[in-house]
Amino acid sequence: MKIIGVVPARMGSSRFYGKPLHPICGRPMIEHVFERAKLFDKWDGLYLATCDQDIAGFAEQKHYPTVMTSNQHKRCLDRVAEAVTKCGQPVLGTDVVVCVQGDEPMLSPDMIDAVIQPLLIDKDISCTVLAMDIGSEEQFVNPDTVKIIHDMQGNVLYTSRSPIPYCTSFSAELGAKRIYGIFAFRWDFLQKFNQLSESPLEVKEACDSNRIVDHGLRQRIAPYPYKPSFSVDSPSDIQRVEEVMLNDPLWGDY
């Protein structure tokens, strides 16, 4: 079984144009993401997927394998699916495809391992998402943080930018979880996903995972404990990431 990784990135983010190449601690964000993803040692291939020549040009300088994709994709998983078909190696239906979103500059290789493990253990699981515990009320109420509601088996029921589950006051005991931008799929499932129409809740919440559950399919969470590790959704996130990055154990390993 192959494990193929794809890092999708584009310049045209509505909230932060050009963020893949914005510097964090002196390096473009996409460099942090790709170099950290490379620290996972079980890849059969790791590719950058983009529709922008600026990003492709930087990737060429760094010798990152790069796949040029359409500029019409609205969601990152559609870009990932196209990239797999163009990556230059055969991928079978049971092989695993991992999407590492290009705005997660603080990811660690054990997160990638965590999101893959359920697929290795249970053949009936076809799709996973890294679900990190939410560590603060600020994060809980932030609409940039996509919250996950799941059933007792860990199957995703709904994802939302609203603070869910309901509470009168936030605490760690609430058990709230958020999407951390690492997803794993069996290739045949990702192909099926890519053929589905956009769903109403996917559009309203701007989250691919709702397309899966809206169409009656299952996505399993891969639980992960809270750690100071922040995504970049807007320019205001850069300073927070830089403050934490300098104390991150992987800083200096790439």
C-alpha atoms as a PDB file:
ATOM      1  CA  MET A   1       0.000   0.000   0.000  1.00  0.00           C
ATOM      2  CA  LYS A   2       1.331   3.403  -1.009  1.00  0.00           C
ATOM      3  CA  ILE A   3       1.062   6.580   1.043  1.00  0.00           C
ATOM      4  CA  ILE A   4       0.932   9.678  -1.151  1.00  0.00           C
ATOM      5  CA  GLY A   5       1.022  13.168   0.355  1.00  0.00           C
ATOM      6  CA  VAL A   6      -0.242  16.334  -1.313  1.00  0.00           C
ATOM      7  CA  VAL A   7       0.199  19.889  -0.024  1.00  0.00           C
ATOM      8  CA  PRO A   8      -2.339  22.139  -1.814  1.00  0.00           C
ATOM      9  CA  ALA A   9      -1.560  25.849  -1.939  1.00  0.00           C
ATOM     10  CA  ARG A  10      -2.853  28.870  -3.832  1.00  0.00           C
ATOM     11  CA  MET A  11      -2.189  32.595  -3.745  1.00  0.00           C
ATOM     12  CA  GLY A  12      -5.828  33.695  -4.007  1.00  0.00           C
ATOM     13  CA  SER A  13      -7.094  33.224  -0.452  1.00  0.00           C
ATOM     14  CA  SER A  14     -10.033  35.567   0.095  1.00  0.00           C
ATOM     15  CA  ARG A  15      -8.922  36.417   3.633  1.00  0.00           C
ATOM     16  CA  PHE A  16      -5.160  36.587   3.038  1.00  0.00           C
ATOM     17  CA  TYR A  17      -3.941  36.908  -0.530  1.00  0.00           C
ATOM     18  CA  GLY A  18      -0.498  35.414  -1.074  1.00  0.00           C
ATOM     19  CA  LYS A  19      -0.263  33.709   2.305  1.00  0.00           C
ATOM     20  CA  PRO A  20       1.689  30.605   1.100  1.00  0.00           C
ATOM     21  CA  LEU A  21       4.693  32.832   0.373  1.00  0.00           C
ATOM     22  CA  HIS A  22       4.288  35.143   3.378  1.00  0.00           C
ATOM     23  CA  PRO A  23       7.352  34.884   5.636  1.00  0.00           C
ATOM     24  CA  ILE A  24       7.169  33.251   9.043  1.00  0.00           C
ATOM     25  CA  CYS A  25      10.397  33.480  11.040  1.00  0.00           C
ATOM     26  CA  GLY A  26      12.175  34.395   7.819  1.00  0.00           C
ATOM     27  CA  ARG A  27      10.833  31.574   5.638  1.00  0.00           C
ATOM     28  CA  PRO A  28       7.740  31.414   3.407  1.00  0.00           C
ATOM     29  CA  MET A  29       4.875  29.610   5.100  1.00  0.00           C
ATOM     30  CA  ILE A  30       4.725  26.905   2.436  1.00  0.00           C
ATOM     31  CA  GLU A  31       8.384  26.066   3.156  1.00  0.00           C
ATOM     32  CA  HIS A  32       7.545  25.355   6.802  1.00  0.00           C
ATOM     33  CA  VAL A  33       4.621  23.153   5.761  1.00  0.00           C
ATOM     34  CA  PHE A  34       6.490  21.139   3.135  1.00  0.00           C
ATOM     35  CA  GLU A  35       9.684  20.713   5.148  1.00  0.00           C
ATOM     36  CA  ARG A  36       7.754  19.547   8.204  1.00  0.00           C
ATOM     37  CA  ALA A  37       5.662  17.167   6.104  1.00  0.00           C
ATOM     38  CA  LYS A  38       8.932  15.732   4.703  1.00  0.00           C
ATOM     39  CA  LEU A  39       9.899  14.716   8.253  1.00  0.00           C
ATOM     40  CA  PHE A  40       7.258  11.968   8.043  1.00  0.00           C
ATOM     41  CA  ASP A  41       9.325   9.026   6.858  1.00  0.00           C
ATOM     42  CA  LYS A  42       6.717   6.737   5.273  1.00  0.00           C
ATOM     43  CA  TRP A  43       5.853   8.695   2.120  1.00  0.00           C
ATOM     44  CA  ASP A  44       5.921   6.962  -1.236  1.00  0.00           C
ATOM     45  CA  GLY A  45       5.611  10.454  -2.701  1.00  0.00           C
ATOM     46  CA  LEU A  46       5.048  13.983  -1.406  1.00  0.00           C
ATOM     47  CA  TYR A  47       3.914  16.699  -3.834  1.00  0.00           C
ATOM     48  CA  LEU A  48       3.054  20.377  -3.799  1.00  0.00           C
ATOM     49  CA  ALA A  49      -0.142  21.110  -5.757  1.00  0.00           C
ATOM     50  CA  THR A  50      -0.775  24.647  -6.984  1.00  0.00           C
ATOM     51  CA  CYS A  51      -2.315  26.682  -9.786  1.00  0.00           C
ATOM     52  CA  ASP A  52       0.040  29.643  -9.272  1.00  0.00           C
ATOM     53  CA  GLN A  53       3.363  30.197 -11.037  1.00  0.00           C
ATOM     54  CA  ASP A  54       4.733  32.203  -8.077  1.00  0.00           C
ATOM     55  CA  ILE A  55       4.346  29.201  -5.783  1.00  0.00           C
ATOM     56  CA  ALA A  56       5.610  26.787  -8.448  1.00  0.00           C
ATOM     57  CA  GLY A  57       8.670  28.973  -8.988  1.00  0.00           C
ATOM     58  CA  PHE A  58       9.527  28.906  -5.296  1.00  0.00           C
ATOM     59  CA  ALA A  59       8.966  25.139  -5.168  1.00  0.00           C
ATOM     60  CA  GLU A  60      11.323  24.672  -8.113  1.00  0.00           C
ATOM     61  CA  GLN A  61      14.048  26.573  -6.249  1.00  0.00           C
ATOM     62  CA  LYS A  62      13.574  24.233  -3.277  1.00  0.00           C
ATOM     63  CA  HIS A  63      13.369  21.112  -5.503  1.00  0.00           C
ATOM     64  CA  TYR A  64       9.880  20.241  -4.230  1.00  0.00           C
ATOM     65  CA  PRO A  65       8.011  17.874  -6.588  1.00  0.00           C
ATOM     66  CA  THR A  66       5.192  20.070  -7.905  1.00  0.00           C
ATOM     67  CA  VAL A  67       1.948  19.380  -9.775  1.00  0.00           C
ATOM     68  CA  MET A  68       0.212  22.231 -11.593  1.00  0.00           C
ATOM     69  CA  THR A  69      -3.566  22.084 -11.175  1.00  0.00           C
ATOM     70  CA  SER A  70      -6.642  23.936 -12.376  1.00  0.00           C
ATOM     71  CA  ASN A  71      -7.366  27.427 -11.027  1.00  0.00           C
ATOM     72  CA  GLN A  72     -11.095  26.601 -10.863  1.00  0.00           C
ATOM     73  CA  HIS A  73     -11.089  24.536  -7.666  1.00  0.00           C
ATOM     74  CA  LYS A  74     -13.102  25.956  -4.780  1.00  0.00           C
ATOM     75  CA  ARG A  75     -11.993  23.401  -2.185  1.00  0.00           C
ATOM     76  CA  CYS A  76      -8.554  22.017  -1.391  1.00  0.00           C
ATOM     77  CA  LEU A  77      -9.598  18.365  -1.669  1.00  0.00           C
ATOM     78  CA  ASP A  78     -10.619  18.836  -5.290  1.00  0.00           C
ATOM     79  CA  ARG A  79      -7.109  20.168  -5.985  1.00  0.00           C
ATOM     80  CA  VAL A  80      -5.600  17.190  -4.157  1.00  0.00           C
ATOM     81  CA  ALA A  81      -7.607  14.705  -6.225  1.00  0.00           C
ATOM     82  CA  GLU A  82      -6.453  16.298  -9.483  1.00  0.00           C
ATOM     83  CA  ALA A  83      -2.834  16.324  -8.299  1.00  0.00           C
ATOM     84  CA  VAL A  84      -2.878  12.589  -7.583  1.00  0.00           C
ATOM     85  CA  THR A  85      -3.919  11.878 -11.180  1.00  0.00           C
ATOM     86  CA  LYS A  86      -0.957  13.945 -12.419  1.00  0.00           C
ATOM     87  CA  CYS A  87       1.752  12.981  -9.923  1.00  0.00           C
ATOM     88  CA  GLY A  88       3.427  10.544 -12.309  1.00  0.00           C
ATOM     89  CA  GLN A  89       3.076   7.309 -10.380  1.00  0.00           C
ATOM     90  CA  PRO A  90       0.303   4.688 -10.377  1.00  0.00           C
ATOM     91  CA  VAL A  91      -2.043   4.915  -7.383  1.00  0.00           C
ATOM     92  CA  LEU A  92      -4.399   2.027  -6.588  1.00  0.00           C
ATOM     93  CA  GLY A  93      -7.851   2.361  -5.030  1.00  0.00           C
ATOM     94  CA  THR A  94      -6.733   1.086  -1.631  1.00  0.00           C
ATOM     95  CA  ASP A  95      -3.658   3.339  -1.487  1.00  0.00           C
ATOM     96  CA  VAL A  96      -3.753   6.220   0.993  1.00  0.00           C
ATOM     97  CA  VAL A  97      -3.750   9.868  -0.051  1.00  0.00           C
ATOM     98  CA  VAL A  98      -2.994  12.464   2.623  1.00  0.00           C
ATOM     99  CA  CYS A  99      -3.915  16.123   2.243  1.00  0.00           C
ATOM    100  CA  VAL A 100      -1.657  18.414   4.283  1.00  0.00           C
ATOM    101  CA  GLN A 101      -3.154  21.865   4.008  1.00  0.00           C
ATOM    102  CA  GLY A 102      -0.715  24.596   3.065  1.00  0.00           C
ATOM    103  CA  ASP A 103      -1.661  26.859   5.975  1.00  0.00           C
ATOM    104  CA  GLU A 104      -0.476  24.535   8.779  1.00  0.00           C
ATOM    105  CA  PRO A 105       3.112  25.738   9.351  1.00  0.00           C
ATOM    106  CA  MET A 106       3.318  24.104  12.791  1.00  0.00           C
ATOM    107  CA  LEU A 107       2.361  20.534  11.863  1.00  0.00           C
ATOM    108  CA  SER A 108       4.447  17.638  13.133  1.00  0.00           C
ATOM    109  CA  PRO A 109       5.072  14.224  11.520  1.00  0.00           C
ATOM    110  CA  ASP A 110       3.286  12.358  14.323  1.00  0.00           C
ATOM    111  CA  MET A 111       0.080  14.174  13.267  1.00  0.00           C
ATOM    112  CA  ILE A 112       0.391  12.610   9.815  1.00  0.00           C
ATOM    113  CA  ASP A 113       0.952   9.217  11.399  1.00  0.00           C
ATOM    114  CA  ALA A 114      -2.131   9.700  13.608  1.00  0.00           C
ATOM    115  CA  VAL A 115      -4.431  10.517  10.694  1.00  0.00           C
ATOM    116  CA  ILE A 116      -3.248   7.476   8.706  1.00  0.00           C
ATOM    117  CA  GLN A 117      -3.445   4.898  11.521  1.00  0.00           C
ATOM    118  CA  PRO A 118      -7.247   4.339  11.466  1.00  0.00           C
ATOM    119  CA  LEU A 119      -7.017   3.407   7.765  1.00  0.00           C
ATOM    120  CA  LEU A 120      -4.313   0.857   8.523  1.00  0.00           C
ATOM    121  CA  ILE A 121      -6.232  -0.695  11.412  1.00  0.00           C
ATOM    122  CA  ASP A 122      -9.753  -0.889   9.953  1.00  0.00           C
ATOM    123  CA  LYS A 123     -10.391  -1.634   6.266  1.00  0.00           C
ATOM    124  CA  ASP A 124     -13.923  -0.259   6.601  1.00  0.00           C
ATOM    125  CA  ILE A 125     -12.621   3.257   7.315  1.00  0.00           C
ATOM    126  CA  SER A 126     -12.061   5.195   4.102  1.00  0.00           C
ATOM    127  CA  CYS A 127     -11.557   8.778   5.257  1.00  0.00           C
ATOM    128  CA  THR A 128     -10.132  10.500   8.344  1.00  0.00           C
ATOM    129  CA  VAL A 129      -9.537  13.996   9.681  1.00  0.00           C
ATOM    130  CA  LEU A 130      -7.124  15.065  12.411  1.00  0.00           C
ATOM    131  CA  ALA A 131      -9.277  16.284  15.296  1.00  0.00           C
ATOM    132  CA  MET A 132      -7.334  18.366  17.820  1.00  0.00           C
ATOM    133  CA  ASP A 133      -8.719  19.226  21.238  1.00  0.00           C
ATOM    134  CA  ILE A 134      -9.613  22.906  21.552  1.00  0.00           C
ATOM    135  CA  GLY A 135      -7.531  24.559  24.237  1.00  0.00           C
ATOM    136  CA  SER A 136      -9.149  27.936  24.855  1.00  0.00           C
ATOM    137  CA  GLU A 137     -12.412  29.837  24.679  1.00  0.00           C
ATOM    138  CA  GLU A 138     -10.798  32.265  22.220  1.00  0.00           C
ATOM    139  CA  GLN A 139     -10.196  29.388  19.828  1.00  0.00           C
ATOM    140  CA  PHE A 140     -13.643  27.919  20.503  1.00  0.00           C
ATOM    141  CA  VAL A 141     -15.539  31.066  19.468  1.00  0.00           C
ATOM    142  CA  ASN A 142     -13.228  31.975  16.560  1.00  0.00           C
ATOM    143  CA  PRO A 143     -15.054  31.407  13.225  1.00  0.00           C
ATOM    144  CA  ASP A 144     -11.726  30.538  11.575  1.00  0.00           C
ATOM    145  CA  THR A 145     -11.664  27.442  13.804  1.00  0.00           C
ATOM    146  CA  VAL A 146     -13.819  24.694  12.282  1.00  0.00           C
ATOM    147  CA  LYS A 147     -15.377  22.658  15.075  1.00  0.00           C
ATOM    148  CA  ILE A 148     -16.253  18.944  14.783  1.00  0.00           C
ATOM    149  CA  ILE A 149     -19.296  17.137  16.124  1.00  0.00           C
ATOM    150  CA  HIS A 150     -18.954  13.338  15.995  1.00  0.00           C
ATOM    151  CA  ASP A 151     -20.813  10.275  17.194  1.00  0.00           C
ATOM    152  CA  MET A 152     -19.641   7.807  19.857  1.00  0.00           C
ATOM    153  CA  GLN A 153     -17.744   5.761  17.250  1.00  0.00           C
ATOM    154  CA  GLY A 154     -15.844   8.850  16.120  1.00  0.00           C
ATOM    155  CA  ASN A 155     -17.743   9.365  12.869  1.00  0.00           C
ATOM    156  CA  VAL A 156     -18.132  13.027  11.904  1.00  0.00           C
ATOM    157  CA  LEU A 157     -21.721  14.259  12.060  1.00  0.00           C
ATOM    158  CA  TYR A 158     -21.201  17.931  11.279  1.00  0.00           C
ATOM    159  CA  THR A 159     -18.487  20.581  11.112  1.00  0.00           C
ATOM    160  CA  SER A 160     -19.140  24.243  11.817  1.00  0.00           C
ATOM    161  CA  ARG A 161     -17.498  27.591  12.292  1.00  0.00           C
ATOM    162  CA  SER A 162     -19.936  28.261  15.123  1.00  0.00           C
ATOM    163  CA  PRO A 163     -18.936  27.348  18.711  1.00  0.00           C
ATOM    164  CA  ILE A 164     -20.330  23.826  19.084  1.00  0.00           C
ATOM    165  CA  PRO A 165     -21.224  21.801  21.099  1.00  0.00           C
ATOM    166  CA  TYR A 166     -23.363  24.244  23.057  1.00  0.00           C
ATOM    167  CA  CYS A 167     -22.112  25.392  26.441  1.00  0.00           C
ATOM    168  CA  THR A 168     -22.786  28.284  28.819  1.00  0.00           C
ATOM    169  CA  SER A 169     -19.060  28.567  29.597  1.00  0.00           C
ATOM    170  CA  PHE A 170     -16.121  26.940  27.865  1.00  0.00           C
ATOM    171  CA  SER A 171     -13.886  24.423  29.621  1.00  0.00           C
ATOM    172  CA  ALA A 172     -11.559  21.653  28.501  1.00  0.00           C
ATOM    173  CA  GLU A 173     -14.062  19.135  29.925  1.00  0.00           C
ATOM    174  CA  LEU A 174     -16.454  20.096  27.118  1.00  0.00           C
ATOM    175  CA  GLY A 175     -14.363  17.912  24.820  1.00  0.00           C
ATOM    176  CA  ALA A 176     -14.636  20.309  21.886  1.00  0.00           C
ATOM    177  CA  LYS A 177     -12.482  19.412  18.891  1.00  0.00           C
ATOM    178  CA  ARG A 178     -11.388  21.272  15.798  1.00  0.00           C
ATOM    179  CA  ILE A 179     -10.274  20.319  12.347  1.00  0.00           C
ATOM    180  CA  TYR A 180      -6.516  20.422  12.040  1.00  0.00           C
ATOM    181  CA  GLY A 181      -5.776  20.612   8.323  1.00  0.00           C
ATOM    182  CA  ILE A 182      -4.542  17.053   7.738  1.00  0.00           C
ATOM    183  CA  PHE A 183      -6.858  14.509   6.084  1.00  0.00           C
ATOM    184  CA  ALA A 184      -6.345  10.936   4.850  1.00  0.00           C
ATOM    185  CA  PHE A 185      -8.334   9.012   2.236  1.00  0.00           C
ATOM    186  CA  ARG A 186      -8.285   5.762   0.418  1.00  0.00           C
ATOM    187  CA  TRP A 187      -7.787   6.798  -3.188  1.00  0.00           C
ATOM    188  CA  ASP A 188     -11.038   5.257  -4.408  1.00  0.00           C
ATOM    189  CA  PHE A 189     -12.962   7.202  -1.743  1.00  0.00           C
ATOM    190  CA  LEU A 190     -11.285  10.487  -2.685  1.00  0.00           C
ATOM    191  CA  GLN A 191     -12.185   9.883  -6.329  1.00  0.00           C
ATOM    192  CA  LYS A 192     -15.801   9.292  -5.288  1.00  0.00           C
ATOM    193  CA  PHE A 193     -15.741  12.462  -3.176  1.00  0.00           C
ATOM    194  CA  ASN A 194     -14.392  14.455  -6.100  1.00  0.00           C
ATOM    195  CA  GLN A 195     -17.334  13.363  -8.251  1.00  0.00           C
ATOM    196  CA  LEU A 196     -19.949  14.487  -5.723  1.00  0.00           C
ATOM    197  CA  SER A 197     -21.696  17.817  -6.094  1.00  0.00           C
ATOM    198  CA  GLU A 198     -21.025  20.603  -3.621  1.00  0.00           C
ATOM    199  CA  SER A 199     -23.451  20.256  -0.743  1.00  0.00           C
ATOM    200  CA  PRO A 200     -25.525  22.985   0.952  1.00  0.00           C
ATOM    201  CA  LEU A 201     -23.745  22.718   4.313  1.00  0.00           C
ATOM    202  CA  GLU A 202     -20.350  22.569   2.648  1.00  0.00           C
ATOM    203  CA  VAL A 203     -21.099  25.929   1.016  1.00  0.00           C
ATOM    204  CA  LYS A 204     -22.588  27.518   4.144  1.00  0.00           C
ATOM    205  CA  GLU A 205     -19.741  26.428   6.429  1.00  0.00           C
ATOM    206  CA  ALA A 206     -16.992  26.588   3.744  1.00  0.00           C
ATOM    207  CA  CYS A 207     -15.783  23.138   4.790  1.00  0.00           C
ATOM    208  CA  ASP A 208     -15.209  20.083   2.556  1.00  0.00           C
ATOM    209  CA  SER A 209     -16.053  17.632   5.339  1.00  0.00           C
ATOM    210  CA  ASN A 210     -19.714  18.584   5.182  1.00  0.00           C
ATOM    211  CA  ARG A 211     -19.849  17.358   1.573  1.00  0.00           C
ATOM    212  CA  ILE A 212     -18.958  13.913   2.873  1.00  0.00           C
ATOM    213  CA  VAL A 213     -21.644  13.740   5.559  1.00  0.00           C
ATOM    214  CA  ASP A 214     -24.255  15.570   3.452  1.00  0.00           C
ATOM    215  CA  HIS A 215     -24.007  12.760   0.905  1.00  0.00           C
ATOM    216  CA  GLY A 216     -24.407  10.060   3.554  1.00  0.00           C
ATOM    217  CA  LEU A 217     -20.753   8.982   3.659  1.00  0.00           C
ATOM    218  CA  ARG A 218     -18.522   8.606   6.707  1.00  0.00           C
ATOM    219  CA  GLN A 219     -15.432  10.412   7.901  1.00  0.00           C
ATOM    220  CA  ARG A 220     -13.676   9.164  11.043  1.00  0.00           C
ATOM    221  CA  ILE A 221     -11.857  11.488  13.418  1.00  0.00           C
ATOM    222  CA  ALA A 222      -8.233  10.841  14.361  1.00  0.00           C
ATOM    223  CA  PRO A 223      -8.109  12.344  17.883  1.00  0.00           C
ATOM    224  CA  TYR A 224      -5.084  14.415  18.803  1.00  0.00           C
ATOM    225  CA  PRO A 225      -4.406  16.249  22.099  1.00  0.00           C
ATOM    226  CA  TYR A 226      -4.179  20.020  22.237  1.00  0.00           C
ATOM    227  CA  LYS A 227      -0.786  21.538  21.608  1.00  0.00           C
ATOM    228  CA  PRO A 228       0.182  25.140  20.812  1.00  0.00           C
ATOM    229  CA  SER A 229      -0.029  24.781  17.031  1.00  0.00           C
ATOM    230  CA  PHE A 230      -1.838  27.412  15.031  1.00  0.00           C
ATOM    231  CA  SER A 231      -3.133  27.634  11.476  1.00  0.00           C
ATOM    232  CA  VAL A 232      -2.779  30.770   9.377  1.00  0.00           C
ATOM    233  CA  ASP A 233      -6.145  32.070   8.221  1.00  0.00           C
ATOM    234  CA  SER A 234      -5.530  35.833   8.273  1.00  0.00           C
ATOM    235  CA  PRO A 235      -2.552  38.231   8.556  1.00  0.00           C
ATOM    236  CA  SER A 236      -3.173  38.597  12.285  1.00  0.00           C
ATOM    237  CA  ASP A 237      -2.247  34.926  12.791  1.00  0.00           C
ATOM    238  CA  ILE A 238       1.364  35.431  11.666  1.00  0.00           C
ATOM    239  CA  GLN A 239       2.575  37.065  14.876  1.00  0.00           C
ATOM    240  CA  ARG A 240       1.010  34.363  17.064  1.00  0.00           C
ATOM    241  CA  VAL A 241       2.584  31.594  14.968  1.00  0.00           C
ATOM    242  CA  GLU A 242       6.000  33.269  15.079  1.00  0.00           C
ATOM    243  CA  GLU A 243       5.863  33.613  18.874  1.00  0.00           C
ATOM    244  CA  VAL A 244       5.112  29.909  19.325  1.00  0.00           C
ATOM    245  CA  MET A 245       7.259  28.655  16.436  1.00  0.00           C
ATOM    246  CA  LEU A 246      10.518  29.727  18.068  1.00  0.00           C
ATOM    247  CA  ASN A 247       9.800  27.391  21.007  1.00  0.00           C
ATOM    248  CA  ASP A 248       8.554  24.532  18.855  1.00  0.00           C
ATOM    249  CA  PRO A 249      10.715  21.366  19.147  1.00  0.00           C
ATOM    250  CA  LEU A 250      10.945  21.001  15.351  1.00  0.00           C
ATOM    251  CA  TRP A 251      12.325  24.510  14.845  1.00  0.00           C
ATOM    252  CA  GLY A 252      15.879  24.093  13.626  1.00  0.00           C
ATOM    253  CA  ASP A 253      15.349  20.540  12.304  1.00  0.00           C
ATOM    254  CA  TYR A 254      14.756  21.731   8.740  1.00  0.00           C
END
